[in-house]
C-alpha atoms as a PDB file:
ATOM      1  CA  MET A   1      -2.965 -17.904 -14.976  1.00  0.00           C
ATOM      2  CA  HIS A   2      -1.651 -20.366 -12.449  1.00  0.00           C
ATOM      3  CA  ARG A   3      -0.388 -18.586  -9.608  1.00  0.00           C
ATOM      4  CA  GLY A   4       0.084 -20.984  -7.003  1.00  0.00           C
ATOM      5  CA  PRO A   5       3.756 -20.976  -6.342  1.00  0.00           C
ATOM      6  CA  ILE A   6       4.867 -17.756  -7.575  1.00  0.00           C
ATOM      7  CA  ARG A   7       1.994 -16.241  -4.954  1.00  0.00           C
ATOM      8  CA  ALA A   8       3.419 -18.277  -2.212  1.00  0.00           C
ATOM      9  CA  ARG A   9       7.082 -17.636  -2.865  1.00  0.00           C
ATOM     10  CA  ALA A  10       5.561 -13.861  -3.080  1.00  0.00           C
ATOM     11  CA  GLY A  11       3.527 -13.671  -0.260  1.00  0.00           C
ATOM     12  CA  THR A  12       6.785 -15.367   1.955  1.00  0.00           C
ATOM     13  CA  ALA A  13       9.085 -12.492   0.706  1.00  0.00           C
ATOM     14  CA  LEU A  14       7.159  -9.929   1.268  1.00  0.00           C
ATOM     15  CA  VAL A  15       6.254 -11.083   5.026  1.00  0.00           C
ATOM     16  CA  CYS A  16      10.119 -11.558   5.027  1.00  0.00           C
ATOM     17  CA  ALA A  17      10.843  -7.914   3.458  1.00  0.00           C
ATOM     18  CA  LEU A  18       7.701  -5.992   5.993  1.00  0.00           C
ATOM     19  CA  GLY A  19      10.143  -7.426   8.717  1.00  0.00           C
ATOM     20  CA  ILE A  20       6.718  -8.070  10.521  1.00  0.00           C
ATOM     21  CA  ALA A  21       4.592 -10.783  12.390  1.00  0.00           C
ATOM     22  CA  LEU A  22       0.351 -11.098  12.319  1.00  0.00           C
ATOM     23  CA  ALA A  23      -1.415  -9.839  15.139  1.00  0.00           C
ATOM     24  CA  THR A  24      -3.892 -13.676  16.335  1.00  0.00           C
ATOM     25  CA  ALA A  25      -5.818 -12.071  18.649  1.00  0.00           C
ATOM     26  CA  GLY A  26      -9.233 -12.941  18.234  1.00  0.00           C
ATOM     27  CA  CYS A  27     -11.542 -10.378  16.445  1.00  0.00           C
ATOM     28  CA  GLY A  28     -13.483  -8.509  18.608  1.00  0.00           C
ATOM     29  CA  THR A  29     -17.027  -6.797  17.727  1.00  0.00           C
ATOM     30  CA  ASP A  30     -17.455  -3.409  17.839  1.00  0.00           C
ATOM     31  CA  ASP A  31     -16.547  -3.087  14.297  1.00  0.00           C
ATOM     32  CA  THR A  32     -19.036  -4.240  12.482  1.00  0.00           C
ATOM     33  CA  ALA A  33     -21.014  -0.557  10.337  1.00  0.00           C
ATOM     34  CA  PRO A  34     -21.462  -1.151   6.991  1.00  0.00           C
ATOM     35  CA  ALA A  35     -18.957  -0.286   4.996  1.00  0.00           C
ATOM     36  CA  ARG A  36     -20.651   2.722   3.550  1.00  0.00           C
ATOM     37  CA  HIS A  37     -20.705   4.644   6.194  1.00  0.00           C
ATOM     38  CA  ARG A  38     -16.877   4.105   6.572  1.00  0.00           C
ATOM     39  CA  PRO A  39     -14.787   8.075   6.068  1.00  0.00           C
ATOM     40  CA  THR A  40     -13.411   8.070   3.075  1.00  0.00           C
ATOM     41  CA  VAL A  41     -10.050  10.000   2.184  1.00  0.00           C
ATOM     42  CA  GLN A  42     -10.695  10.240  -1.910  1.00  0.00           C
ATOM     43  CA  ALA A  43      -8.215  12.153  -4.638  1.00  0.00           C
ATOM     44  CA  GLY A  44      -9.436  14.530  -6.891  1.00  0.00           C
ATOM     45  CA  ARG A  45      -7.930  15.758  -9.576  1.00  0.00           C
ATOM     46  CA  GLN A  46      -4.326  16.947  -8.861  1.00  0.00           C
ATOM     47  CA  PRO A  47      -1.056  18.554 -11.159  1.00  0.00           C
ATOM     48  CA  ASP A  48       0.695  15.778 -12.695  1.00  0.00           C
ATOM     49  CA  ARG A  49       4.378  16.080 -11.212  1.00  0.00           C
ATOM     50  CA  ALA A  50       5.447  12.895 -13.048  1.00  0.00           C
ATOM     51  CA  GLY A  51       7.305  14.948 -15.329  1.00  0.00           C
ATOM     52  CA  THR A  52       9.799  16.969 -12.824  1.00  0.00           C
ATOM     53  CA  GLY A  53      12.391  14.070 -12.823  1.00  0.00           C
ATOM     54  CA  ALA A  54      12.572  10.950 -10.940  1.00  0.00           C
ATOM     55  CA  ASP A  55      13.004  11.190  -6.963  1.00  0.00           C
ATOM     56  CA  SER A  56      12.137  14.962  -7.226  1.00  0.00           C
ATOM     57  CA  ASP A  57       9.966  14.351  -4.943  1.00  0.00           C
ATOM     58  CA  GLY A  58      11.254  12.794  -2.423  1.00  0.00           C
ATOM     59  CA  GLY A  59      10.888  14.193   0.948  1.00  0.00           C
ATOM     60  CA  ARG A  60       7.572  16.193   0.034  1.00  0.00           C
ATOM     61  CA  THR A  61       4.222  16.069   1.078  1.00  0.00           C
ATOM     62  CA  LEU A  62       1.834  15.326  -1.852  1.00  0.00           C
ATOM     63  CA  ALA A  63      -1.601  15.698  -1.972  1.00  0.00           C
ATOM     64  CA  LEU A  64      -3.788  12.440  -2.480  1.00  0.00           C
ATOM     65  CA  GLY A  65      -4.036  11.677  -6.271  1.00  0.00           C
ATOM     66  CA  GLU A  66      -0.787  13.856  -7.181  1.00  0.00           C
ATOM     67  CA  PRO A  67       1.402  11.183  -8.840  1.00  0.00           C
ATOM     68  CA  THR A  68       4.802  11.207  -8.818  1.00  0.00           C
ATOM     69  CA  SER A  69       8.079   9.749 -10.745  1.00  0.00           C
ATOM     70  CA  ILE A  70      10.190   7.589  -8.757  1.00  0.00           C
ATOM     71  CA  THR A  71      13.611   5.538  -8.758  1.00  0.00           C
ATOM     72  CA  TYR A  72      12.155   1.571  -8.080  1.00  0.00           C
ATOM     73  CA  LYS A  73      15.094  -1.001  -7.164  1.00  0.00           C
ATOM     74  CA  ARG A  74      14.707  -4.306  -5.450  1.00  0.00           C
ATOM     75  CA  GLY A  75      17.076  -5.622  -2.885  1.00  0.00           C
ATOM     76  CA  SER A  76      19.872  -7.562  -3.501  1.00  0.00           C
ATOM     77  CA  ASP A  77      19.384  -8.425  -7.240  1.00  0.00           C
ATOM     78  CA  HIS A  78      19.148  -4.919  -7.789  1.00  0.00           C
ATOM     79  CA  LEU A  79      16.550  -4.727 -10.106  1.00  0.00           C
ATOM     80  CA  ARG A  80      15.963  -1.277 -10.858  1.00  0.00           C
ATOM     81  CA  GLY A  81      12.936   0.481 -12.898  1.00  0.00           C
ATOM     82  CA  THR A  82      10.564   3.793 -13.220  1.00  0.00           C
ATOM     83  CA  LEU A  83       7.978   3.970 -11.761  1.00  0.00           C
ATOM     84  CA  ARG A  84       4.625   6.886 -11.704  1.00  0.00           C
ATOM     85  CA  VAL A  85       3.433   6.565  -8.174  1.00  0.00           C
ATOM     86  CA  THR A  86      -0.079   7.906  -6.628  1.00  0.00           C
ATOM     87  CA  ALA A  87      -1.441   7.798  -3.566  1.00  0.00           C
ATOM     88  CA  VAL A  88      -5.541   7.124  -4.403  1.00  0.00           C
ATOM     89  CA  SER A  89      -7.377   7.216  -1.383  1.00  0.00           C
ATOM     90  CA  ILE A  90      -8.033   5.581   1.988  1.00  0.00           C
ATOM     91  CA  ARG A  91     -11.099   4.492   3.205  1.00  0.00           C
ATOM     92  CA  LYS A  92     -11.608   2.980   7.024  1.00  0.00           C
ATOM     93  CA  GLY A  93     -12.506  -1.102   6.941  1.00  0.00           C
ATOM     94  CA  THR A  94     -15.007  -3.039   8.434  1.00  0.00           C
ATOM     95  CA  ARG A  95     -14.692  -6.139  11.093  1.00  0.00           C
ATOM     96  CA  ALA A  96     -16.616  -8.187   8.838  1.00  0.00           C
ATOM     97  CA  GLU A  97     -14.816  -7.476   5.662  1.00  0.00           C
ATOM     98  CA  LEU A  98     -11.461  -9.258   6.878  1.00  0.00           C
ATOM     99  CA  LYS A  99     -13.483 -12.070   8.635  1.00  0.00           C
ATOM    100  CA  ARG A 100     -15.315 -13.009   5.750  1.00  0.00           C
ATOM    101  CA  ALA A 101     -10.924 -12.704   4.176  1.00  0.00           C
ATOM    102  CA  GLY A 102     -10.277 -15.410   6.991  1.00  0.00           C
ATOM    103  CA  ALA A 103      -7.708 -12.059   8.221  1.00  0.00           C
ATOM    104  CA  ARG A 104      -7.462 -12.207  12.488  1.00  0.00           C
ATOM    105  CA  TYR A 105      -6.072  -8.946  13.501  1.00  0.00           C
ATOM    106  CA  ASP A 106      -7.097  -7.653  17.312  1.00  0.00           C
ATOM    107  CA  ALA A 107     -10.312  -5.962  16.529  1.00  0.00           C
ATOM    108  CA  ARG A 108     -10.454  -4.302  19.970  1.00  0.00           C
ATOM    109  CA  THR A 109      -7.289  -2.071  19.397  1.00  0.00           C
ATOM    110  CA  THR A 110      -6.850  -1.095  16.102  1.00  0.00           C
ATOM    111  CA  HIS A 111      -9.031   0.248  12.790  1.00  0.00           C
ATOM    112  CA  PRO A 112      -8.295  -1.757   9.900  1.00  0.00           C
ATOM    113  CA  TYR A 113      -7.767   1.143   6.890  1.00  0.00           C
ATOM    114  CA  TYR A 114      -7.105   0.329   2.836  1.00  0.00           C
ATOM    115  CA  VAL A 115      -4.535   2.154   1.461  1.00  0.00           C
ATOM    116  CA  THR A 116      -4.966   2.264  -2.760  1.00  0.00           C
ATOM    117  CA  MET A 117      -2.254   3.103  -4.987  1.00  0.00           C
ATOM    118  CA  THR A 118      -1.449   3.036  -8.745  1.00  0.00           C
ATOM    119  CA  PHE A 119       1.945   2.521 -10.631  1.00  0.00           C
ATOM    120  CA  GLU A 120       2.706   2.819 -14.050  1.00  0.00           C
ATOM    121  CA  ASN A 121       5.720   1.280 -15.805  1.00  0.00           C
ATOM    122  CA  THR A 122       7.232   4.569 -17.107  1.00  0.00           C
ATOM    123  CA  GLY A 123      10.806   2.619 -17.926  1.00  0.00           C
ATOM    124  CA  GLY A 124      12.046   1.208 -20.779  1.00  0.00           C
ATOM    125  CA  SER A 125      12.273  -2.521 -19.124  1.00  0.00           C
ATOM    126  CA  PRO A 126       9.914  -5.188 -17.965  1.00  0.00           C
ATOM    127  CA  LEU A 127      10.419  -5.361 -14.626  1.00  0.00           C
ATOM    128  CA  HIS A 128       9.746  -9.385 -13.034  1.00  0.00           C
ATOM    129  CA  TYR A 129       8.274 -10.036 -10.300  1.00  0.00           C
ATOM    130  CA  PRO A 130       8.905  -6.447  -8.825  1.00  0.00           C
ATOM    131  CA  PHE A 131       6.615  -6.463  -5.051  1.00  0.00           C
ATOM    132  CA  LEU A 132       5.237  -2.960  -5.967  1.00  0.00           C
ATOM    133  CA  ASN A 133       3.232  -2.412  -3.012  1.00  0.00           C
ATOM    134  CA  THR A 134       6.081  -3.231  -0.482  1.00  0.00           C
ATOM    135  CA  PRO A 135       7.088   0.003  -0.309  1.00  0.00           C
ATOM    136  CA  THR A 136       3.857   1.617   0.699  1.00  0.00           C
ATOM    137  CA  GLY A 137       3.586   2.807   4.127  1.00  0.00           C
ATOM    138  CA  LEU A 138       1.170   4.609   6.518  1.00  0.00           C
ATOM    139  CA  GLU A 139       1.994   6.441   9.452  1.00  0.00           C
ATOM    140  CA  ASP A 140      -0.793   7.447  12.290  1.00  0.00           C
ATOM    141  CA  THR A 141      -1.595  11.286  13.643  1.00  0.00           C
ATOM    142  CA  SER A 142       0.751  10.127  16.774  1.00  0.00           C
ATOM    143  CA  GLY A 143       3.363   9.054  13.944  1.00  0.00           C
ATOM    144  CA  THR A 144       3.985   5.588  14.466  1.00  0.00           C
ATOM    145  CA  ASP A 145       4.279   3.614  10.991  1.00  0.00           C
ATOM    146  CA  ALA A 146       0.886   1.493  11.048  1.00  0.00           C
ATOM    147  CA  GLN A 147       0.911  -2.305  11.295  1.00  0.00           C
ATOM    148  CA  PRO A 148       0.270  -3.994   7.756  1.00  0.00           C
ATOM    149  CA  LEU A 149      -2.019  -6.518   7.559  1.00  0.00           C
ATOM    150  CA  ILE A 150      -0.897  -9.702   5.621  1.00  0.00           C
ATOM    151  CA  THR A 151      -3.696 -11.254   3.442  1.00  0.00           C
ATOM    152  CA  ALA A 152      -4.423 -13.940   1.276  1.00  0.00           C
ATOM    153  CA  ASP A 153      -3.973 -13.105  -2.314  1.00  0.00           C
ATOM    154  CA  ASP A 154      -7.445 -10.809  -2.877  1.00  0.00           C
ATOM    155  CA  GLY A 155      -8.772 -11.960  -0.471  1.00  0.00           C
ATOM    156  CA  VAL A 156     -10.330  -9.016   1.186  1.00  0.00           C
ATOM    157  CA  LYS A 157     -12.142  -7.710  -1.435  1.00  0.00           C
ATOM    158  CA  PRO A 158     -12.927  -4.414  -1.388  1.00  0.00           C
ATOM    159  CA  CYS A 159      -9.045  -4.301  -1.251  1.00  0.00           C
ATOM    160  CA  ARG A 160      -7.251  -6.087  -3.492  1.00  0.00           C
ATOM    161  CA  GLY A 161      -3.671  -6.193  -3.880  1.00  0.00           C
ATOM    162  CA  VAL A 162      -1.845  -9.180  -5.933  1.00  0.00           C
ATOM    163  CA  ASP A 163       0.950  -7.423  -8.027  1.00  0.00           C
ATOM    164  CA  PRO A 164       1.953  -8.987 -11.439  1.00  0.00           C
ATOM    165  CA  ASP A 165       4.371 -11.647 -12.313  1.00  0.00           C
ATOM    166  CA  ASP A 166       5.620  -8.936 -14.779  1.00  0.00           C
ATOM    167  CA  PHE A 167       5.278  -5.798 -14.909  1.00  0.00           C
ATOM    168  CA  ALA A 168       6.025  -4.425 -19.087  1.00  0.00           C
ATOM    169  CA  SER A 169       7.251  -1.390 -20.172  1.00  0.00           C
ATOM    170  CA  GLY A 170       3.989   1.238 -20.285  1.00  0.00           C
ATOM    171  CA  ALA A 171       1.521  -0.944 -18.394  1.00  0.00           C
ATOM    172  CA  SER A 172       0.017  -0.134 -15.293  1.00  0.00           C
ATOM    173  CA  ALA A 173      -1.957  -1.421 -11.619  1.00  0.00           C
ATOM    174  CA  THR A 174      -4.068  -0.904  -8.954  1.00  0.00           C
ATOM    175  CA  LEU A 175      -3.187  -2.235  -5.871  1.00  0.00           C
ATOM    176  CA  CYS A 176      -4.517  -1.549  -2.142  1.00  0.00           C
ATOM    177  CA  LYS A 177      -2.829  -2.676   1.020  1.00  0.00           C
ATOM    178  CA  VAL A 178      -4.577  -2.907   4.444  1.00  0.00           C
ATOM    179  CA  PHE A 179      -3.242  -1.208   7.530  1.00  0.00           C
ATOM    180  CA  LEU A 180      -4.235  -1.485  11.340  1.00  0.00           C
ATOM    181  CA  VAL A 181      -4.668   1.728  12.732  1.00  0.00           C
ATOM    182  CA  PRO A 182      -4.750   1.777  16.589  1.00  0.00           C
ATOM    183  CA  LYS A 183      -7.854   3.146  18.069  1.00  0.00           C
ATOM    184  CA  GLY A 184      -7.397   6.658  18.837  1.00  0.00           C
ATOM    185  CA  GLU A 185      -5.405   7.689  16.323  1.00  0.00           C
ATOM    186  CA  ARG A 186      -6.422   8.061  12.393  1.00  0.00           C
ATOM    187  CA  PRO A 187      -4.091   8.037   9.331  1.00  0.00           C
ATOM    188  CA  SER A 188      -1.631  11.273   9.059  1.00  0.00           C
ATOM    189  CA  VAL A 189       0.052  10.575   6.029  1.00  0.00           C
ATOM    190  CA  VAL A 190       0.822   8.096   3.038  1.00  0.00           C
ATOM    191  CA  THR A 191       4.571   7.112   2.836  1.00  0.00           C
ATOM    192  CA  TYR A 192       6.273   5.163   0.044  1.00  0.00           C
ATOM    193  CA  SER A 193       9.594   5.077   0.108  1.00  0.00           C
ATOM    194  CA  THR A 194      12.404   2.484  -2.595  1.00  0.00           C
ATOM    195  CA  GLY A 195      15.262   3.641  -4.718  1.00  0.00           C
ATOM    196  CA  ASP A 196      18.460   4.950  -3.184  1.00  0.00           C
ATOM    197  CA  ASP A 197      17.399   7.301  -0.639  1.00  0.00           C
ATOM    198  CA  THR A 198      14.663   5.720   1.785  1.00  0.00           C
ATOM    199  CA  ARG A 199      15.123   8.014   4.344  1.00  0.00           C
ATOM    200  CA  ARG A 200      13.546  10.520   2.069  1.00  0.00           C
ATOM    201  CA  PRO A 201      10.124   8.556   1.133  1.00  0.00           C
ATOM    202  CA  VAL A 202       7.233  10.526  -0.814  1.00  0.00           C
ATOM    203  CA  ARG A 203       4.496  11.166   1.412  1.00  0.00           C
ATOM    204  CA  TRP A 204       1.043  11.911   1.046  1.00  0.00           C
ATOM    205  CA  THR A 205      -1.541  13.742   2.993  1.00  0.00           C
ATOM    206  CA  ALA A 206      -4.563  11.611   4.825  1.00  0.00           C
ATOM    207  CA  ALA A 207      -6.564  15.097   5.255  1.00  0.00           C
ATOM    208  CA  PRO A 208      -8.931  15.640   2.184  1.00  0.00           C
END
């Protein structure tokens, strides 16, 4: 499938939606340990709360791997749907992985973390260009929102995050997003904020 113009538009929209600028500082040399040595927070088998009603978990903190049902709403075109969303894992990335992808960030002051999410369209209608991963956030242990790092489509092989152009009813997708956490801090909670009440996002604890 040809994705050039579509993905370029999607990338621009994502940057605008997040309201951030990429760090342009050169990479350091102190974050080169192999990925297998990096700590991973991985979900275990959890109770399925996705049947409790859309948005019933707003403001709650769930365990990694615990699904929830949320109302998806996008911007000025009022695109709406119902999603089953799960924060699956948080893994510390490496400078080498991002360097191979052509991503630039200040490795002297931040560490990359990969947040993997799963999505299922449980509503009755397809979602066109939904930007599923845009509302995903990560807070560090100081309570500060980590900065997302925008990378080329599928550029970071351990953290692929290309949103589907068309998300049919019943379809599912697994997406990953890169965040930069200041050195000295660790991931605390994953957040997902969309729908009518973005002040009460669903939260997943990063603790194992």
